[in-house]
């Protein structure tokens, strides 16, 4: 059994030591994921969108993404990429939360424009 299979097995059975290791720190999680930092940050954002996380949860994900030189366009692209899987309702819920985390208040912009289309 190779290392990848062993890790998958440990995660599948809920191996406490393996899970605790991956939760110990962001750097441990990044190393364990074997993803590059940018991909890791986009996956984390996708997970936040999927679980309909509260907007403060997005702040850490956005900070991590920016540290890995992920552009705002790529972050919005992540939101768009989740649309076929999660549906319009989830993406519509996530868009203003992501906007606030990026420093853009979608709700205020809509109020100012008086129209959803600007």
C-alpha atoms as a PDB file:
ATOM      1  CA  UNK A   1       0.000   0.000   0.000  1.00  0.00           C
ATOM      2  CA  UNK A   2       1.492   3.367  -0.990  1.00  0.00           C
ATOM      3  CA  UNK A   3       1.343   6.577   1.043  1.00  0.00           C
ATOM      4  CA  UNK A   4      -1.676   7.980  -0.827  1.00  0.00           C
ATOM      5  CA  UNK A   5      -3.704   4.805  -0.250  1.00  0.00           C
ATOM      6  CA  UNK A   6      -2.648   4.725   3.409  1.00  0.00           C
ATOM      7  CA  UNK A   7      -3.731   8.341   3.906  1.00  0.00           C
ATOM      8  CA  UNK A   8      -7.070   7.733   2.181  1.00  0.00           C
ATOM      9  CA  UNK A   9      -7.672   4.671   4.360  1.00  0.00           C
ATOM     10  CA  UNK A  10      -6.857   6.626   7.537  1.00  0.00           C
ATOM     11  CA  UNK A  11      -9.249   9.400   6.531  1.00  0.00           C
ATOM     12  CA  UNK A  12     -11.952   6.877   5.586  1.00  0.00           C
ATOM     13  CA  UNK A  13     -11.857   5.250   9.026  1.00  0.00           C
ATOM     14  CA  UNK A  14     -11.563   8.574  10.856  1.00  0.00           C
ATOM     15  CA  UNK A  15      -8.070   7.904  12.218  1.00  0.00           C
ATOM     16  CA  UNK A  16      -7.768  10.478  15.007  1.00  0.00           C
ATOM     17  CA  UNK A  17      -3.982  10.880  14.747  1.00  0.00           C
ATOM     18  CA  UNK A  18      -4.141  11.480  10.995  1.00  0.00           C
ATOM     19  CA  UNK A  19      -7.010  13.953  11.280  1.00  0.00           C
ATOM     20  CA  UNK A  20      -5.403  15.807  14.191  1.00  0.00           C
ATOM     21  CA  UNK A  21      -2.185  16.085  12.181  1.00  0.00           C
ATOM     22  CA  UNK A  22      -4.064  17.617   9.237  1.00  0.00           C
ATOM     23  CA  UNK A  23      -5.906  20.011  11.565  1.00  0.00           C
ATOM     24  CA  UNK A  24      -2.817  21.001  13.568  1.00  0.00           C
ATOM     25  CA  UNK A  25      -2.074  24.012  11.395  1.00  0.00           C
ATOM     26  CA  UNK A  26      -2.748  25.431   8.002  1.00  0.00           C
ATOM     27  CA  UNK A  27       0.784  24.551   6.921  1.00  0.00           C
ATOM     28  CA  UNK A  28       0.296  20.934   8.047  1.00  0.00           C
ATOM     29  CA  UNK A  29      -2.973  20.779   6.130  1.00  0.00           C
ATOM     30  CA  UNK A  30      -1.369  22.283   3.035  1.00  0.00           C
ATOM     31  CA  UNK A  31       1.509  19.798   3.188  1.00  0.00           C
ATOM     32  CA  UNK A  32      -0.861  16.893   3.761  1.00  0.00           C
ATOM     33  CA  UNK A  33      -3.056  17.906   0.844  1.00  0.00           C
ATOM     34  CA  UNK A  34      -0.106  17.857  -1.566  1.00  0.00           C
ATOM     35  CA  UNK A  35      -1.707  20.737  -3.438  1.00  0.00           C
ATOM     36  CA  UNK A  36       0.028  23.954  -4.365  1.00  0.00           C
ATOM     37  CA  UNK A  37      -0.967  26.907  -2.177  1.00  0.00           C
ATOM     38  CA  UNK A  38      -3.211  28.537  -4.791  1.00  0.00           C
ATOM     39  CA  UNK A  39      -5.164  25.352  -5.514  1.00  0.00           C
ATOM     40  CA  UNK A  40      -5.445  24.672  -1.778  1.00  0.00           C
ATOM     41  CA  UNK A  41      -6.937  28.115  -1.167  1.00  0.00           C
ATOM     42  CA  UNK A  42      -9.448  27.696  -4.013  1.00  0.00           C
ATOM     43  CA  UNK A  43     -10.557  24.300  -2.704  1.00  0.00           C
ATOM     44  CA  UNK A  44     -11.054  25.799   0.763  1.00  0.00           C
ATOM     45  CA  UNK A  45     -13.151  28.595  -0.717  1.00  0.00           C
ATOM     46  CA  UNK A  46     -15.221  26.066  -2.655  1.00  0.00           C
ATOM     47  CA  UNK A  47     -15.880  24.178   0.576  1.00  0.00           C
ATOM     48  CA  UNK A  48     -17.034  27.363   2.317  1.00  0.00           C
ATOM     49  CA  UNK A  49     -19.431  28.042  -0.540  1.00  0.00           C
ATOM     50  CA  UNK A  50     -20.687  24.441  -0.404  1.00  0.00           C
ATOM     51  CA  UNK A  51     -21.509  24.558   3.303  1.00  0.00           C
ATOM     52  CA  UNK A  52     -23.034  28.053   3.105  1.00  0.00           C
ATOM     53  CA  UNK A  53     -20.509  29.371   5.619  1.00  0.00           C
ATOM     54  CA  UNK A  54     -20.995  32.723   7.332  1.00  0.00           C
ATOM     55  CA  UNK A  55     -19.102  35.632   5.779  1.00  0.00           C
ATOM     56  CA  UNK A  56     -16.444  35.870   8.545  1.00  0.00           C
ATOM     57  CA  UNK A  57     -15.321  32.358   7.570  1.00  0.00           C
ATOM     58  CA  UNK A  58     -14.376  33.713   4.167  1.00  0.00           C
ATOM     59  CA  UNK A  59     -11.865  36.192   5.623  1.00  0.00           C
ATOM     60  CA  UNK A  60      -9.234  33.580   6.514  1.00  0.00           C
ATOM     61  CA  UNK A  61      -9.716  31.804   3.199  1.00  0.00           C
ATOM     62  CA  UNK A  62      -9.288  35.064   1.274  1.00  0.00           C
ATOM     63  CA  UNK A  63      -6.204  36.018   3.288  1.00  0.00           C
ATOM     64  CA  UNK A  64      -4.666  32.622   2.565  1.00  0.00           C
ATOM     65  CA  UNK A  65      -5.589  32.911  -1.108  1.00  0.00           C
ATOM     66  CA  UNK A  66      -4.000  36.339  -1.400  1.00  0.00           C
ATOM     67  CA  UNK A  67      -0.825  35.041   0.261  1.00  0.00           C
ATOM     68  CA  UNK A  68      -0.617  32.472  -2.529  1.00  0.00           C
ATOM     69  CA  UNK A  69      -1.108  35.192  -5.163  1.00  0.00           C
ATOM     70  CA  UNK A  70      -4.637  34.127  -6.058  1.00  0.00           C
ATOM     71  CA  UNK A  71      -6.348  36.954  -7.884  1.00  0.00           C
ATOM     72  CA  UNK A  72      -9.831  38.229  -7.141  1.00  0.00           C
ATOM     73  CA  UNK A  73     -10.784  37.034 -10.613  1.00  0.00           C
ATOM     74  CA  UNK A  74      -9.708  33.486  -9.697  1.00  0.00           C
ATOM     75  CA  UNK A  75     -11.683  33.686  -6.449  1.00  0.00           C
ATOM     76  CA  UNK A  76     -14.809  34.780  -8.328  1.00  0.00           C
ATOM     77  CA  UNK A  77     -14.025  32.036 -10.842  1.00  0.00           C
ATOM     78  CA  UNK A  78     -14.126  29.531  -7.979  1.00  0.00           C
ATOM     79  CA  UNK A  79     -17.603  30.795  -7.079  1.00  0.00           C
ATOM     80  CA  UNK A  80     -18.723  30.439 -10.686  1.00  0.00           C
ATOM     81  CA  UNK A  81     -17.189  26.950 -10.958  1.00  0.00           C
ATOM     82  CA  UNK A  82     -19.358  25.751  -8.056  1.00  0.00           C
ATOM     83  CA  UNK A  83     -22.576  26.882  -9.764  1.00  0.00           C
ATOM     84  CA  UNK A  84     -23.325  23.677 -11.748  1.00  0.00           C
ATOM     85  CA  UNK A  85     -22.765  21.492  -8.684  1.00  0.00           C
ATOM     86  CA  UNK A  86     -24.253  23.630  -5.910  1.00  0.00           C
ATOM     87  CA  UNK A  87     -26.943  25.509  -7.782  1.00  0.00           C
ATOM     88  CA  UNK A  88     -27.953  29.121  -8.090  1.00  0.00           C
ATOM     89  CA  UNK A  89     -29.358  29.475  -4.564  1.00  0.00           C
ATOM     90  CA  UNK A  90     -26.059  28.548  -2.902  1.00  0.00           C
ATOM     91  CA  UNK A  91     -23.990  30.744  -5.215  1.00  0.00           C
ATOM     92  CA  UNK A  92     -26.418  33.642  -4.760  1.00  0.00           C
ATOM     93  CA  UNK A  93     -26.050  33.245  -0.997  1.00  0.00           C
ATOM     94  CA  UNK A  94     -22.248  33.086  -1.206  1.00  0.00           C
ATOM     95  CA  UNK A  95     -21.692  36.005  -3.596  1.00  0.00           C
ATOM     96  CA  UNK A  96     -22.286  38.836  -1.104  1.00  0.00           C
ATOM     97  CA  UNK A  97     -20.270  37.014   1.575  1.00  0.00           C
ATOM     98  CA  UNK A  98     -17.348  36.628  -0.794  1.00  0.00           C
ATOM     99  CA  UNK A  99     -17.797  40.242  -1.857  1.00  0.00           C
ATOM    100  CA  UNK A 100     -17.509  41.496   1.724  1.00  0.00           C
ATOM    101  CA  UNK A 101     -14.413  39.356   2.297  1.00  0.00           C
ATOM    102  CA  UNK A 102     -12.896  40.887  -0.839  1.00  0.00           C
ATOM    103  CA  UNK A 103     -13.740  44.379   0.394  1.00  0.00           C
ATOM    104  CA  UNK A 104     -16.750  44.921  -1.870  1.00  0.00           C
ATOM    105  CA  UNK A 105     -20.178  45.387  -0.324  1.00  0.00           C
ATOM    106  CA  UNK A 106     -22.556  43.855  -2.865  1.00  0.00           C
ATOM    107  CA  UNK A 107     -25.666  44.792  -0.856  1.00  0.00           C
ATOM    108  CA  UNK A 108     -24.627  48.449  -0.618  1.00  0.00           C
ATOM    109  CA  UNK A 109     -23.837  48.543  -4.335  1.00  0.00           C
ATOM    110  CA  UNK A 110     -27.286  47.174  -5.130  1.00  0.00           C
ATOM    111  CA  UNK A 111     -28.949  49.740  -2.862  1.00  0.00           C
ATOM    112  CA  UNK A 112     -27.017  52.583  -4.459  1.00  0.00           C
ATOM    113  CA  UNK A 113     -27.841  51.501  -7.982  1.00  0.00           C
ATOM    114  CA  UNK A 114     -31.507  50.885  -7.270  1.00  0.00           C
ATOM    115  CA  UNK A 115     -31.337  47.927  -9.654  1.00  0.00           C
ATOM    116  CA  UNK A 116     -29.916  44.438  -9.453  1.00  0.00           C
ATOM    117  CA  UNK A 117     -28.261  45.059 -12.810  1.00  0.00           C
ATOM    118  CA  UNK A 118     -26.752  48.453 -12.002  1.00  0.00           C
END
